[in-house]
Amino acid sequence: AIYYAAADGSKISRQRADMMGPNGIGLSPDGKTLYASETMTAR
């Protein structure tokens, strides 16, 4: 799954569930797109 959380430990939310092993995560230069790589599906 993919989560988003506050740095002070106060809040966490699950934003994408049931992915097939998400691994890498990154933001586009404009901050409007989240990228994630799945290891075993190689997507």
PDB file of all heavy atoms in Angstrom:
ATOM      1  N   ALA A   1       0.840  -1.190   0.000  1.00  0.00           N
ATOM      2  CA  ALA A   1       0.000   0.000   0.000  1.00  0.00           C
ATOM      3  C   ALA A   1       0.878   1.243   0.000  1.00  0.00           C
ATOM      4  O   ALA A   1       2.083   1.173   0.253  1.00  0.00           O
ATOM      5  CB  ALA A   1      -0.916   0.007   1.223  1.00  0.00           C
ATOM      6  N   ILE A   2       0.253   2.386  -0.302  1.00  0.00           N
ATOM      7  CA  ILE A   2       0.908   3.678  -0.224  1.00  0.00           C
ATOM      8  C   ILE A   2       0.209   4.502   0.852  1.00  0.00           C
ATOM      9  O   ILE A   2      -1.025   4.569   0.903  1.00  0.00           O
ATOM     10  CB  ILE A   2       0.854   4.414  -1.573  1.00  0.00           C
ATOM     11  CG1 ILE A   2       1.729   3.687  -2.605  1.00  0.00           C
ATOM     12  CG2 ILE A   2       1.318   5.863  -1.422  1.00  0.00           C
ATOM     13  CD1 ILE A   2       1.661   4.288  -3.992  1.00  0.00           C
ATOM     14  N   TYR A   3       1.015   5.130   1.720  1.00  0.00           N
ATOM     15  CA  TYR A   3       0.506   5.924   2.830  1.00  0.00           C
ATOM     16  C   TYR A   3       1.030   7.347   2.746  1.00  0.00           C
ATOM     17  O   TYR A   3       2.068   7.611   2.120  1.00  0.00           O
ATOM     18  CB  TYR A   3       0.953   5.329   4.174  1.00  0.00           C
ATOM     19  CG  TYR A   3       0.367   3.978   4.498  1.00  0.00           C
ATOM     20  CD1 TYR A   3       0.983   2.812   4.048  1.00  0.00           C
ATOM     21  CD2 TYR A   3      -0.791   3.866   5.267  1.00  0.00           C
ATOM     22  CE1 TYR A   3       0.448   1.564   4.352  1.00  0.00           C
ATOM     23  CE2 TYR A   3      -1.318   2.621   5.582  1.00  0.00           C
ATOM     24  CZ  TYR A   3      -0.701   1.476   5.111  1.00  0.00           C
ATOM     25  OH  TYR A   3      -1.225   0.245   5.414  1.00  0.00           O
ATOM     26  N   TYR A   4       0.321   8.244   3.432  1.00  0.00           N
ATOM     27  CA  TYR A   4       0.792   9.608   3.639  1.00  0.00           C
ATOM     28  C   TYR A   4       0.728   9.885   5.128  1.00  0.00           C
ATOM     29  O   TYR A   4      -0.225   9.472   5.808  1.00  0.00           O
ATOM     30  CB  TYR A   4      -0.080  10.618   2.885  1.00  0.00           C
ATOM     31  CG  TYR A   4       0.425  12.036   2.972  1.00  0.00           C
ATOM     32  CD1 TYR A   4       1.445  12.489   2.136  1.00  0.00           C
ATOM     33  CD2 TYR A   4      -0.101  12.939   3.901  1.00  0.00           C
ATOM     34  CE1 TYR A   4       1.913  13.794   2.203  1.00  0.00           C
ATOM     35  CE2 TYR A   4       0.359  14.246   3.981  1.00  0.00           C
ATOM     36  CZ  TYR A   4       1.379  14.666   3.130  1.00  0.00           C
ATOM     37  OH  TYR A   4       1.840  15.956   3.204  1.00  0.00           O
ATOM     38  N   ALA A   5       1.753  10.574   5.656  1.00  0.00           N
ATOM     39  CA  ALA A   5       1.807  10.780   7.096  1.00  0.00           C
ATOM     40  C   ALA A   5       2.406  12.136   7.435  1.00  0.00           C
ATOM     41  O   ALA A   5       3.196  12.703   6.674  1.00  0.00           O
ATOM     42  CB  ALA A   5       2.629   9.667   7.755  1.00  0.00           C
ATOM     43  N   ALA A   6       2.038  12.642   8.598  1.00  0.00           N
ATOM     44  CA  ALA A   6       2.604  13.876   9.131  1.00  0.00           C
ATOM     45  C   ALA A   6       3.930  13.570   9.825  1.00  0.00           C
ATOM     46  O   ALA A   6       4.095  12.516  10.448  1.00  0.00           O
ATOM     47  CB  ALA A   6       1.627  14.517  10.122  1.00  0.00           C
ATOM     48  N   ALA A   7       4.858  14.511   9.733  1.00  0.00           N
ATOM     49  CA  ALA A   7       6.199  14.280  10.278  1.00  0.00           C
ATOM     50  C   ALA A   7       6.233  14.270  11.798  1.00  0.00           C
ATOM     51  O   ALA A   7       7.209  13.790  12.389  1.00  0.00           O
ATOM     52  CB  ALA A   7       7.159  15.340   9.743  1.00  0.00           C
ATOM     53  N   ASP A   8       5.185  14.786  12.452  1.00  0.00           N
ATOM     54  CA  ASP A   8       5.188  14.818  13.916  1.00  0.00           C
ATOM     55  C   ASP A   8       4.502  13.609  14.543  1.00  0.00           C
ATOM     56  O   ASP A   8       4.319  13.555  15.762  1.00  0.00           O
ATOM     57  CB  ASP A   8       4.521  16.102  14.422  1.00  0.00           C
ATOM     58  CG  ASP A   8       3.048  16.224  14.009  1.00  0.00           C
ATOM     59  OD1 ASP A   8       2.528  15.296  13.339  1.00  0.00           O
ATOM     60  OD2 ASP A   8       2.424  17.254  14.352  1.00  0.00           O
ATOM     61  N   GLY A   9       4.129  12.638  13.708  1.00  0.00           N
ATOM     62  CA  GLY A   9       3.522  11.413  14.245  1.00  0.00           C
ATOM     63  C   GLY A   9       2.043  11.517  14.535  1.00  0.00           C
ATOM     64  O   GLY A   9       1.458  10.598  15.132  1.00  0.00           O
ATOM     65  N   SER A  10       1.394  12.610  14.093  1.00  0.00           N
ATOM     66  CA  SER A  10       0.010  12.870  14.488  1.00  0.00           C
ATOM     67  C   SER A  10      -1.046  12.298  13.557  1.00  0.00           C
ATOM     68  O   SER A  10      -2.207  12.155  13.948  1.00  0.00           O
ATOM     69  CB  SER A  10      -0.213  14.386  14.603  1.00  0.00           C
ATOM     70  OG  SER A  10      -0.060  15.008  13.325  1.00  0.00           O
ATOM     71  N   LYS A  11      -0.679  11.951  12.311  1.00  0.00           N
ATOM     72  CA  LYS A  11      -1.720  11.562  11.351  1.00  0.00           C
ATOM     73  C   LYS A  11      -1.138  10.703  10.254  1.00  0.00           C
ATOM     74  O   LYS A  11      -0.082  11.019   9.699  1.00  0.00           O
ATOM     75  CB  LYS A  11      -2.361  12.814  10.743  1.00  0.00           C
ATOM     76  CG  LYS A  11      -3.517  12.530   9.794  1.00  0.00           C
ATOM     77  CD  LYS A  11      -4.111  13.818   9.248  1.00  0.00           C
ATOM     78  CE  LYS A  11      -5.270  13.559   8.304  1.00  0.00           C
ATOM     79  NZ  LYS A  11      -5.819  14.821   7.742  1.00  0.00           N
ATOM     80  N   ILE A  12      -1.848   9.631   9.925  1.00  0.00           N
ATOM     81  CA  ILE A  12      -1.441   8.756   8.832  1.00  0.00           C
ATOM     82  C   ILE A  12      -2.692   8.333   8.074  1.00  0.00           C
ATOM     83  O   ILE A  12      -3.752   8.103   8.676  1.00  0.00           O
ATOM     84  CB  ILE A  12      -0.675   7.514   9.368  1.00  0.00           C
ATOM     85  CG1 ILE A  12      -0.228   6.605   8.208  1.00  0.00           C
ATOM     86  CG2 ILE A  12      -1.474   6.758  10.398  1.00  0.00           C
ATOM     87  CD1 ILE A  12       0.673   5.465   8.653  1.00  0.00           C
ATOM     88  N   SER A  13      -2.599   8.261   6.745  1.00  0.00           N
ATOM     89  CA  SER A  13      -3.734   7.815   5.937  1.00  0.00           C
ATOM     90  C   SER A  13      -3.241   6.851   4.869  1.00  0.00           C
ATOM     91  O   SER A  13      -2.131   6.998   4.357  1.00  0.00           O
ATOM     92  CB  SER A  13      -4.454   8.998   5.285  1.00  0.00           C
ATOM     93  OG  SER A  13      -3.604   9.657   4.353  1.00  0.00           O
ATOM     94  N   ARG A  14      -4.062   5.883   4.541  1.00  0.00           N
ATOM     95  CA  ARG A  14      -3.729   4.946   3.464  1.00  0.00           C
ATOM     96  C   ARG A  14      -4.368   5.465   2.185  1.00  0.00           C
ATOM     97  O   ARG A  14      -5.586   5.584   2.102  1.00  0.00           O
ATOM     98  CB  ARG A  14      -4.221   3.535   3.794  1.00  0.00           C
ATOM     99  CG  ARG A  14      -3.786   2.506   2.750  1.00  0.00           C
ATOM    100  CD  ARG A  14      -3.853   1.088   3.303  1.00  0.00           C
ATOM    101  NE  ARG A  14      -5.167   0.757   3.831  1.00  0.00           N
ATOM    102  CZ  ARG A  14      -5.389  -0.206   4.735  1.00  0.00           C
ATOM    103  NH1 ARG A  14      -4.378  -0.911   5.218  1.00  0.00           N
ATOM    104  NH2 ARG A  14      -6.602  -0.441   5.167  1.00  0.00           N
ATOM    105  N   GLN A  15      -3.532   5.757   1.196  1.00  0.00           N
ATOM    106  CA  GLN A  15      -4.007   6.406  -0.022  1.00  0.00           C
ATOM    107  C   GLN A  15      -4.129   5.450  -1.207  1.00  0.00           C
ATOM    108  O   GLN A  15      -4.788   5.776  -2.183  1.00  0.00           O
ATOM    109  CB  GLN A  15      -3.075   7.555  -0.380  1.00  0.00           C
ATOM    110  CG  GLN A  15      -3.212   8.747   0.544  1.00  0.00           C
ATOM    111  CD  GLN A  15      -4.585   9.397   0.429  1.00  0.00           C
ATOM    112  OE1 GLN A  15      -5.043   9.706  -0.663  1.00  0.00           O
ATOM    113  NE2 GLN A  15      -5.245   9.586   1.563  1.00  0.00           N
ATOM    114  N   ARG A  16      -3.504   4.316  -1.137  1.00  0.00           N
ATOM    115  CA  ARG A  16      -3.661   3.322  -2.200  1.00  0.00           C
ATOM    116  C   ARG A  16      -3.431   1.955  -1.592  1.00  0.00           C
ATOM    117  O   ARG A  16      -2.356   1.685  -1.048  1.00  0.00           O
ATOM    118  CB  ARG A  16      -2.666   3.580  -3.337  1.00  0.00           C
ATOM    119  CG  ARG A  16      -2.973   2.910  -4.632  1.00  0.00           C
ATOM    120  CD  ARG A  16      -4.293   3.407  -5.283  1.00  0.00           C
ATOM    121  NE  ARG A  16      -4.104   4.388  -6.334  1.00  0.00           N
ATOM    122  CZ  ARG A  16      -4.604   5.632  -6.279  1.00  0.00           C
ATOM    123  NH1 ARG A  16      -5.296   6.032  -5.236  1.00  0.00           N
ATOM    124  NH2 ARG A  16      -4.426   6.467  -7.281  1.00  0.00           N
ATOM    125  N   ALA A  17      -4.421   1.104  -1.644  1.00  0.00           N
ATOM    126  CA  ALA A  17      -4.329  -0.227  -1.051  1.00  0.00           C
ATOM    127  C   ALA A  17      -4.220  -1.289  -2.146  1.00  0.00           C
ATOM    128  O   ALA A  17      -4.416  -1.019  -3.334  1.00  0.00           O
ATOM    129  CB  ALA A  17      -5.546  -0.504  -0.179  1.00  0.00           C
ATOM    130  N   ASP A  18      -3.854  -2.485  -1.725  1.00  0.00           N
ATOM    131  CA  ASP A  18      -3.866  -3.665  -2.608  1.00  0.00           C
ATOM    132  C   ASP A  18      -2.969  -3.522  -3.824  1.00  0.00           C
ATOM    133  O   ASP A  18      -3.281  -4.016  -4.903  1.00  0.00           O
ATOM    134  CB  ASP A  18      -5.299  -3.988  -3.057  1.00  0.00           C
ATOM    135  CG  ASP A  18      -6.187  -4.338  -1.879  1.00  0.00           C
ATOM    136  OD1 ASP A  18      -5.675  -4.977  -0.947  1.00  0.00           O
ATOM    137  OD2 ASP A  18      -7.372  -3.984  -1.897  1.00  0.00           O
ATOM    138  N   MET A  19      -1.833  -2.855  -3.661  1.00  0.00           N
ATOM    139  CA  MET A  19      -0.846  -2.851  -4.730  1.00  0.00           C
ATOM    140  C   MET A  19       0.001  -4.114  -4.627  1.00  0.00           C
ATOM    141  O   MET A  19       0.015  -4.796  -3.609  1.00  0.00           O
ATOM    142  CB  MET A  19       0.019  -1.593  -4.645  1.00  0.00           C
ATOM    143  CG  MET A  19      -0.746  -0.307  -4.917  1.00  0.00           C
ATOM    144  SD  MET A  19       0.318   1.151  -4.992  1.00  0.00           S
ATOM    145  CE  MET A  19       1.170   0.862  -6.551  1.00  0.00           C
ATOM    146  N   MET A  20       0.720  -4.408  -5.691  1.00  0.00           N
ATOM    147  CA  MET A  20       1.516  -5.634  -5.736  1.00  0.00           C
ATOM    148  C   MET A  20       2.972  -5.328  -5.376  1.00  0.00           C
ATOM    149  O   MET A  20       3.847  -5.288  -6.227  1.00  0.00           O
ATOM    150  CB  MET A  20       1.418  -6.275  -7.118  1.00  0.00           C
ATOM    151  CG  MET A  20       0.014  -6.709  -7.497  1.00  0.00           C
ATOM    152  SD  MET A  20      -0.661  -7.973  -6.392  1.00  0.00           S
ATOM    153  CE  MET A  20       0.380  -9.358  -6.831  1.00  0.00           C
ATOM    154  N   GLY A  21       3.187  -5.035  -4.103  1.00  0.00           N
ATOM    155  CA  GLY A  21       4.545  -4.787  -3.643  1.00  0.00           C
ATOM    156  C   GLY A  21       5.134  -3.474  -4.101  1.00  0.00           C
ATOM    157  O   GLY A  21       6.203  -3.467  -4.715  1.00  0.00           O
ATOM    158  N   PRO A  22       4.497  -2.317  -3.816  1.00  0.00           N
ATOM    159  CA  PRO A  22       5.099  -1.042  -4.183  1.00  0.00           C
ATOM    160  C   PRO A  22       6.420  -0.850  -3.457  1.00  0.00           C
ATOM    161  O   PRO A  22       6.540  -1.180  -2.275  1.00  0.00           O
ATOM    162  CB  PRO A  22       4.062  -0.005  -3.750  1.00  0.00           C
ATOM    163  CG  PRO A  22       3.307  -0.673  -2.644  1.00  0.00           C
ATOM    164  CD  PRO A  22       3.258  -2.129  -3.030  1.00  0.00           C
ATOM    165  N   ASN A  23       7.394  -0.316  -4.158  1.00  0.00           N
ATOM    166  CA  ASN A  23       8.738  -0.199  -3.610  1.00  0.00           C
ATOM    167  C   ASN A  23       9.205   1.249  -3.656  1.00  0.00           C
ATOM    168  O   ASN A  23       9.091   1.979  -2.697  1.00  0.00           O
ATOM    169  CB  ASN A  23       9.676  -1.129  -4.389  1.00  0.00           C
ATOM    170  CG  ASN A  23      11.026  -1.297  -3.753  1.00  0.00           C
ATOM    171  OD1 ASN A  23      11.609  -0.344  -3.242  1.00  0.00           O
ATOM    172  ND2 ASN A  23      11.567  -2.511  -3.800  1.00  0.00           N
ATOM    173  N   GLY A  24       9.731   1.699  -4.804  1.00  0.00           N
ATOM    174  CA  GLY A  24      10.200   3.072  -4.916  1.00  0.00           C
ATOM    175  C   GLY A  24       9.054   4.060  -4.983  1.00  0.00           C
ATOM    176  O   GLY A  24       7.958   3.755  -5.467  1.00  0.00           O
ATOM    177  N   ILE A  25       9.306   5.280  -4.485  1.00  0.00           N
ATOM    178  CA  ILE A  25       8.292   6.326  -4.515  1.00  0.00           C
ATOM    179  C   ILE A  25       8.985   7.662  -4.758  1.00  0.00           C
ATOM    180  O   ILE A  25      10.092   7.897  -4.279  1.00  0.00           O
ATOM    181  CB  ILE A  25       7.472   6.341  -3.209  1.00  0.00           C
ATOM    182  CG1 ILE A  25       6.184   7.138  -3.363  1.00  0.00           C
ATOM    183  CG2 ILE A  25       8.305   6.835  -2.017  1.00  0.00           C
ATOM    184  CD1 ILE A  25       5.173   6.870  -2.260  1.00  0.00           C
ATOM    185  N   GLY A  26       8.342   8.523  -5.556  1.00  0.00           N
ATOM    186  CA  GLY A  26       8.932   9.819  -5.875  1.00  0.00           C
ATOM    187  C   GLY A  26       7.875  10.789  -6.354  1.00  0.00           C
ATOM    188  O   GLY A  26       6.764  10.397  -6.730  1.00  0.00           O
ATOM    189  N   LEU A  27       8.231  12.075  -6.346  1.00  0.00           N
ATOM    190  CA  LEU A  27       7.330  13.139  -6.764  1.00  0.00           C
ATOM    191  C   LEU A  27       7.837  13.785  -8.039  1.00  0.00           C
ATOM    192  O   LEU A  27       9.046  13.990  -8.210  1.00  0.00           O
ATOM    193  CB  LEU A  27       7.226  14.200  -5.665  1.00  0.00           C
ATOM    194  CG  LEU A  27       6.450  13.797  -4.410  1.00  0.00           C
ATOM    195  CD1 LEU A  27       6.741  14.780  -3.283  1.00  0.00           C
ATOM    196  CD2 LEU A  27       4.955  13.740  -4.692  1.00  0.00           C
ATOM    197  N   SER A  28       6.910  14.159  -8.924  1.00  0.00           N
ATOM    198  CA  SER A  28       7.261  14.902 -10.132  1.00  0.00           C
ATOM    199  C   SER A  28       7.830  16.258  -9.731  1.00  0.00           C
ATOM    200  O   SER A  28       7.593  16.752  -8.624  1.00  0.00           O
ATOM    201  CB  SER A  28       6.026  15.082 -11.018  1.00  0.00           C
ATOM    202  OG  SER A  28       5.028  15.824 -10.323  1.00  0.00           O
ATOM    203  N   PRO A  29       8.593  16.901 -10.622  1.00  0.00           N
ATOM    204  CA  PRO A  29       9.187  18.203 -10.280  1.00  0.00           C
ATOM    205  C   PRO A  29       8.173  19.250  -9.820  1.00  0.00           C
ATOM    206  O   PRO A  29       8.498  20.084  -8.972  1.00  0.00           O
ATOM    207  CB  PRO A  29       9.879  18.615 -11.581  1.00  0.00           C
ATOM    208  CG  PRO A  29      10.247  17.323 -12.220  1.00  0.00           C
ATOM    209  CD  PRO A  29       9.099  16.399 -11.927  1.00  0.00           C
ATOM    210  N   ASP A  30       6.959  19.218 -10.346  1.00  0.00           N
ATOM    211  CA  ASP A  30       5.949  20.194  -9.928  1.00  0.00           C
ATOM    212  C   ASP A  30       5.157  19.747  -8.712  1.00  0.00           C
ATOM    213  O   ASP A  30       4.282  20.484  -8.228  1.00  0.00           O
ATOM    214  CB  ASP A  30       5.008  20.543 -11.084  1.00  0.00           C
ATOM    215  CG  ASP A  30       4.173  19.348 -11.556  1.00  0.00           C
ATOM    216  OD1 ASP A  30       4.229  18.269 -10.923  1.00  0.00           O
ATOM    217  OD2 ASP A  30       3.469  19.502 -12.581  1.00  0.00           O
ATOM    218  N   GLY A  31       5.442  18.557  -8.192  1.00  0.00           N
ATOM    219  CA  GLY A  31       4.782  18.067  -6.986  1.00  0.00           C
ATOM    220  C   GLY A  31       3.344  17.622  -7.175  1.00  0.00           C
ATOM    221  O   GLY A  31       2.655  17.314  -6.199  1.00  0.00           O
ATOM    222  N   LYS A  32       2.878  17.534  -8.420  1.00  0.00           N
ATOM    223  CA  LYS A  32       1.473  17.205  -8.659  1.00  0.00           C
ATOM    224  C   LYS A  32       1.236  15.727  -8.962  1.00  0.00           C
ATOM    225  O   LYS A  32       0.084  15.290  -9.042  1.00  0.00           O
ATOM    226  CB  LYS A  32       0.938  18.053  -9.818  1.00  0.00           C
ATOM    227  CG  LYS A  32       0.928  19.539  -9.524  1.00  0.00           C
ATOM    228  CD  LYS A  32       0.410  20.339 -10.711  1.00  0.00           C
ATOM    229  CE  LYS A  32       0.393  21.832 -10.415  1.00  0.00           C
ATOM    230  NZ  LYS A  32      -0.113  22.618 -11.581  1.00  0.00           N
ATOM    231  N   THR A  33       2.314  14.971  -9.164  1.00  0.00           N
ATOM    232  CA  THR A  33       2.189  13.557  -9.513  1.00  0.00           C
ATOM    233  C   THR A  33       3.073  12.730  -8.594  1.00  0.00           C
ATOM    234  O   THR A  33       4.230  13.086  -8.349  1.00  0.00           O
ATOM    235  CB  THR A  33       2.612  13.312 -10.973  1.00  0.00           C
ATOM    236  OG1 THR A  33       1.848  14.153 -11.837  1.00  0.00           O
ATOM    237  CG2 THR A  33       2.389  11.859 -11.367  1.00  0.00           C
ATOM    238  N   LEU A  34       2.518  11.634  -8.094  1.00  0.00           N
ATOM    239  CA  LEU A  34       3.270  10.675  -7.290  1.00  0.00           C
ATOM    240  C   LEU A  34       3.574   9.468  -8.161  1.00  0.00           C
ATOM    241  O   LEU A  34       2.687   8.940  -8.842  1.00  0.00           O
ATOM    242  CB  LEU A  34       2.447  10.232  -6.076  1.00  0.00           C
ATOM    243  CG  LEU A  34       3.176   9.325  -5.074  1.00  0.00           C
ATOM    244  CD1 LEU A  34       4.187  10.123  -4.260  1.00  0.00           C
ATOM    245  CD2 LEU A  34       2.177   8.637  -4.152  1.00  0.00           C
ATOM    246  N   TYR A  35       4.836   9.039  -8.160  1.00  0.00           N
ATOM    247  CA  TYR A  35       5.243   7.847  -8.893  1.00  0.00           C
ATOM    248  C   TYR A  35       5.567   6.732  -7.909  1.00  0.00           C
ATOM    249  O   TYR A  35       6.113   6.977  -6.830  1.00  0.00           O
ATOM    250  CB  TYR A  35       6.482   8.129  -9.747  1.00  0.00           C
ATOM    251  CG  TYR A  35       6.280   9.170 -10.805  1.00  0.00           C
ATOM    252  CD1 TYR A  35       6.926  10.398 -10.727  1.00  0.00           C
ATOM    253  CD2 TYR A  35       5.438   8.935 -11.897  1.00  0.00           C
ATOM    254  CE1 TYR A  35       6.756  11.365 -11.709  1.00  0.00           C
ATOM    255  CE2 TYR A  35       5.255   9.900 -12.882  1.00  0.00           C
ATOM    256  CZ  TYR A  35       5.906  11.103 -12.774  1.00  0.00           C
ATOM    257  OH  TYR A  35       5.720  12.060 -13.752  1.00  0.00           O
ATOM    258  N   ALA A  36       5.248   5.511  -8.305  1.00  0.00           N
ATOM    259  CA  ALA A  36       5.607   4.345  -7.498  1.00  0.00           C
ATOM    260  C   ALA A  36       5.977   3.202  -8.427  1.00  0.00           C
ATOM    261  O   ALA A  36       5.373   3.027  -9.495  1.00  0.00           O
ATOM    262  CB  ALA A  36       4.453   3.922  -6.583  1.00  0.00           C
ATOM    263  N   SER A  37       6.967   2.440  -8.022  1.00  0.00           N
ATOM    264  CA  SER A  37       7.370   1.248  -8.774  1.00  0.00           C
ATOM    265  C   SER A  37       6.967   0.004  -8.000  1.00  0.00           C
ATOM    266  O   SER A  37       7.096  -0.053  -6.775  1.00  0.00           O
ATOM    267  CB  SER A  37       8.889   1.248  -9.003  1.00  0.00           C
ATOM    268  OG  SER A  37       9.583   1.254  -7.769  1.00  0.00           O
ATOM    269  N   GLU A  38       6.450  -0.972  -8.718  1.00  0.00           N
ATOM    270  CA  GLU A  38       6.154  -2.281  -8.140  1.00  0.00           C
ATOM    271  C   GLU A  38       7.290  -3.235  -8.515  1.00  0.00           C
ATOM    272  O   GLU A  38       7.653  -3.336  -9.686  1.00  0.00           O
ATOM    273  CB  GLU A  38       4.825  -2.826  -8.650  1.00  0.00           C
ATOM    274  CG  GLU A  38       3.607  -2.100  -8.108  1.00  0.00           C
ATOM    275  CD  GLU A  38       2.314  -2.676  -8.656  1.00  0.00           C
ATOM    276  OE1 GLU A  38       2.311  -3.180  -9.797  1.00  0.00           O
ATOM    277  OE2 GLU A  38       1.293  -2.599  -7.948  1.00  0.00           O
ATOM    278  N   THR A  39       7.812  -3.941  -7.532  1.00  0.00           N
ATOM    279  CA  THR A  39       8.996  -4.765  -7.778  1.00  0.00           C
ATOM    280  C   THR A  39       8.702  -5.944  -8.692  1.00  0.00           C
ATOM    281  O   THR A  39       9.298  -6.089  -9.767  1.00  0.00           O
ATOM    282  CB  THR A  39       9.572  -5.272  -6.442  1.00  0.00           C
ATOM    283  OG1 THR A  39       9.951  -4.142  -5.654  1.00  0.00           O
ATOM    284  CG2 THR A  39      10.793  -6.145  -6.675  1.00  0.00           C
ATOM    285  N   MET A  40       7.803  -6.819  -8.292  1.00  0.00           N
ATOM    286  CA  MET A  40       7.629  -8.084  -8.998  1.00  0.00           C
ATOM    287  C   MET A  40       6.878  -7.916 -10.319  1.00  0.00           C
ATOM    288  O   MET A  40       7.117  -8.670 -11.266  1.00  0.00           O
ATOM    289  CB  MET A  40       6.913  -9.103  -8.112  1.00  0.00           C
ATOM    290  CG  MET A  40       7.645  -9.416  -6.806  1.00  0.00           C
ATOM    291  SD  MET A  40       9.386  -9.907  -7.025  1.00  0.00           S
ATOM    292  CE  MET A  40       9.192 -11.467  -7.885  1.00  0.00           C
ATOM    293  N   THR A  41       5.984  -6.941 -10.424  1.00  0.00           N
ATOM    294  CA  THR A  41       5.318  -6.693 -11.708  1.00  0.00           C
ATOM    295  C   THR A  41       6.196  -5.856 -12.631  1.00  0.00           C
ATOM    296  O   THR A  41       5.901  -5.761 -13.827  1.00  0.00           O
ATOM    297  CB  THR A  41       3.974  -5.971 -11.523  1.00  0.00           C
ATOM    298  OG1 THR A  41       4.217  -4.627 -11.074  1.00  0.00           O
ATOM    299  CG2 THR A  41       3.070  -6.702 -10.534  1.00  0.00           C
ATOM    300  N   ALA A  42       7.246  -5.235 -12.068  1.00  0.00           N
ATOM    301  CA  ALA A  42       8.180  -4.393 -12.830  1.00  0.00           C
ATOM    302  C   ALA A  42       7.443  -3.270 -13.563  1.00  0.00           C
ATOM    303  O   ALA A  42       7.746  -2.952 -14.707  1.00  0.00           O
ATOM    304  CB  ALA A  42       9.018  -5.224 -13.795  1.00  0.00           C
ATOM    305  N   ARG A  43       6.505  -2.654 -12.876  1.00  0.00           N
ATOM    306  CA  ARG A  43       5.729  -1.562 -13.469  1.00  0.00           C
ATOM    307  C   ARG A  43       5.934  -0.275 -12.677  1.00  0.00           C
ATOM    308  O   ARG A  43       6.049  -0.301 -11.452  1.00  0.00           O
ATOM    309  CB  ARG A  43       4.243  -1.910 -13.498  1.00  0.00           C
ATOM    310  CG  ARG A  43       3.908  -3.038 -14.467  1.00  0.00           C
ATOM    311  CD  ARG A  43       2.477  -3.496 -14.302  1.00  0.00           C
ATOM    312  NE  ARG A  43       2.176  -4.573 -15.249  1.00  0.00           N
ATOM    313  CZ  ARG A  43       1.271  -5.518 -15.053  1.00  0.00           C
ATOM    314  NH1 ARG A  43       0.560  -5.536 -13.931  1.00  0.00           N
ATOM    315  NH2 ARG A  43       1.051  -6.454 -15.960  1.00  0.00           N
TER     316      ARG A  43
END
